[in-house]
């Protein structure tokens, strides 16, 4: 008989890393996607911002 594969345990999503509180108001740390709207965050990479939902990418000039 074939052995059963164990499921990979998912890490919990850390939403506290997306927001911060300054002077009594909540601010987002990352940019929202301009195509998807304010509810979808863009991932911050070393040289770009990328939306995982629609694939929109903004490149950041690192050398400047």
C-alpha atoms as a PDB file:
ATOM      1  CA  UNK A   1       0.000   0.000   0.000  1.00  0.00           C
ATOM      2  CA  UNK A   2       1.064   3.538  -0.638  1.00  0.00           C
ATOM      3  CA  UNK A   3       1.951   5.733   2.316  1.00  0.00           C
ATOM      4  CA  UNK A   4      -0.273   8.686   3.060  1.00  0.00           C
ATOM      5  CA  UNK A   5       1.322  12.091   2.673  1.00  0.00           C
ATOM      6  CA  UNK A   6       1.145  14.364   5.666  1.00  0.00           C
ATOM      7  CA  UNK A   7      -0.492  17.722   5.123  1.00  0.00           C
ATOM      8  CA  UNK A   8       1.799  20.726   5.335  1.00  0.00           C
ATOM      9  CA  UNK A   9       0.786  22.809   8.324  1.00  0.00           C
ATOM     10  CA  UNK A  10      -0.069  26.374   7.333  1.00  0.00           C
ATOM     11  CA  UNK A  11       1.390  29.286   9.247  1.00  0.00           C
ATOM     12  CA  UNK A  12      -1.154  31.715  10.699  1.00  0.00           C
ATOM     13  CA  UNK A  13      -1.593  34.954   8.754  1.00  0.00           C
ATOM     14  CA  UNK A  14      -0.045  37.827  10.681  1.00  0.00           C
ATOM     15  CA  UNK A  15      -2.379  40.746  10.030  1.00  0.00           C
ATOM     16  CA  UNK A  16      -0.743  42.850  12.773  1.00  0.00           C
ATOM     17  CA  UNK A  17       2.217  43.369  10.418  1.00  0.00           C
ATOM     18  CA  UNK A  18       0.008  45.201   7.868  1.00  0.00           C
ATOM     19  CA  UNK A  19      -1.189  48.008  10.165  1.00  0.00           C
ATOM     20  CA  UNK A  20       0.259  50.319  12.815  1.00  0.00           C
ATOM     21  CA  UNK A  21      -1.317  52.753  15.265  1.00  0.00           C
ATOM     22  CA  UNK A  22      -0.047  56.336  15.251  1.00  0.00           C
ATOM     23  CA  UNK A  23      -1.576  59.123  17.327  1.00  0.00           C
ATOM     24  CA  UNK A  24      -4.811  57.223  17.881  1.00  0.00           C
ATOM     25  CA  UNK A  25      -5.424  56.367  14.219  1.00  0.00           C
ATOM     26  CA  UNK A  26      -4.766  53.198  12.248  1.00  0.00           C
ATOM     27  CA  UNK A  27      -2.439  53.438   9.236  1.00  0.00           C
ATOM     28  CA  UNK A  28      -1.574  50.864   6.596  1.00  0.00           C
ATOM     29  CA  UNK A  29       2.097  49.939   6.212  1.00  0.00           C
ATOM     30  CA  UNK A  30       1.876  48.710   2.615  1.00  0.00           C
ATOM     31  CA  UNK A  31       0.331  50.160  -0.518  1.00  0.00           C
ATOM     32  CA  UNK A  32      -3.139  49.195  -1.748  1.00  0.00           C
ATOM     33  CA  UNK A  33      -3.453  47.903  -5.316  1.00  0.00           C
ATOM     34  CA  UNK A  34      -4.626  50.646  -7.729  1.00  0.00           C
ATOM     35  CA  UNK A  35      -6.515  48.115  -9.882  1.00  0.00           C
ATOM     36  CA  UNK A  36      -8.181  46.001  -7.162  1.00  0.00           C
ATOM     37  CA  UNK A  37      -8.982  48.789  -4.724  1.00  0.00           C
ATOM     38  CA  UNK A  38      -8.162  49.687  -1.127  1.00  0.00           C
ATOM     39  CA  UNK A  39      -9.007  46.250   0.311  1.00  0.00           C
ATOM     40  CA  UNK A  40      -6.141  44.439  -1.442  1.00  0.00           C
ATOM     41  CA  UNK A  41      -2.570  44.973  -0.286  1.00  0.00           C
ATOM     42  CA  UNK A  42       0.485  44.847  -2.521  1.00  0.00           C
ATOM     43  CA  UNK A  43       3.450  42.739  -1.422  1.00  0.00           C
ATOM     44  CA  UNK A  44       6.656  44.679  -0.835  1.00  0.00           C
ATOM     45  CA  UNK A  45       9.731  43.068  -2.369  1.00  0.00           C
ATOM     46  CA  UNK A  46      13.313  44.337  -2.587  1.00  0.00           C
ATOM     47  CA  UNK A  47      12.854  46.064  -5.956  1.00  0.00           C
ATOM     48  CA  UNK A  48       9.091  46.120  -6.577  1.00  0.00           C
ATOM     49  CA  UNK A  49       5.518  46.106  -5.249  1.00  0.00           C
ATOM     50  CA  UNK A  50       3.339  43.245  -6.513  1.00  0.00           C
ATOM     51  CA  UNK A  51      -0.376  42.424  -6.251  1.00  0.00           C
ATOM     52  CA  UNK A  52      -1.006  38.709  -5.806  1.00  0.00           C
ATOM     53  CA  UNK A  53      -4.630  38.982  -6.889  1.00  0.00           C
ATOM     54  CA  UNK A  54      -4.392  40.683 -10.296  1.00  0.00           C
ATOM     55  CA  UNK A  55      -0.639  40.545 -11.006  1.00  0.00           C
ATOM     56  CA  UNK A  56      -0.080  44.314 -11.127  1.00  0.00           C
ATOM     57  CA  UNK A  57       3.580  45.228 -10.507  1.00  0.00           C
ATOM     58  CA  UNK A  58       5.272  48.559  -9.755  1.00  0.00           C
ATOM     59  CA  UNK A  59       9.052  48.641  -9.947  1.00  0.00           C
ATOM     60  CA  UNK A  60      11.084  50.775  -7.531  1.00  0.00           C
ATOM     61  CA  UNK A  61      14.324  52.376  -8.671  1.00  0.00           C
ATOM     62  CA  UNK A  62      16.842  50.950  -6.167  1.00  0.00           C
ATOM     63  CA  UNK A  63      19.944  52.587  -7.696  1.00  0.00           C
ATOM     64  CA  UNK A  64      18.715  56.172  -7.344  1.00  0.00           C
END
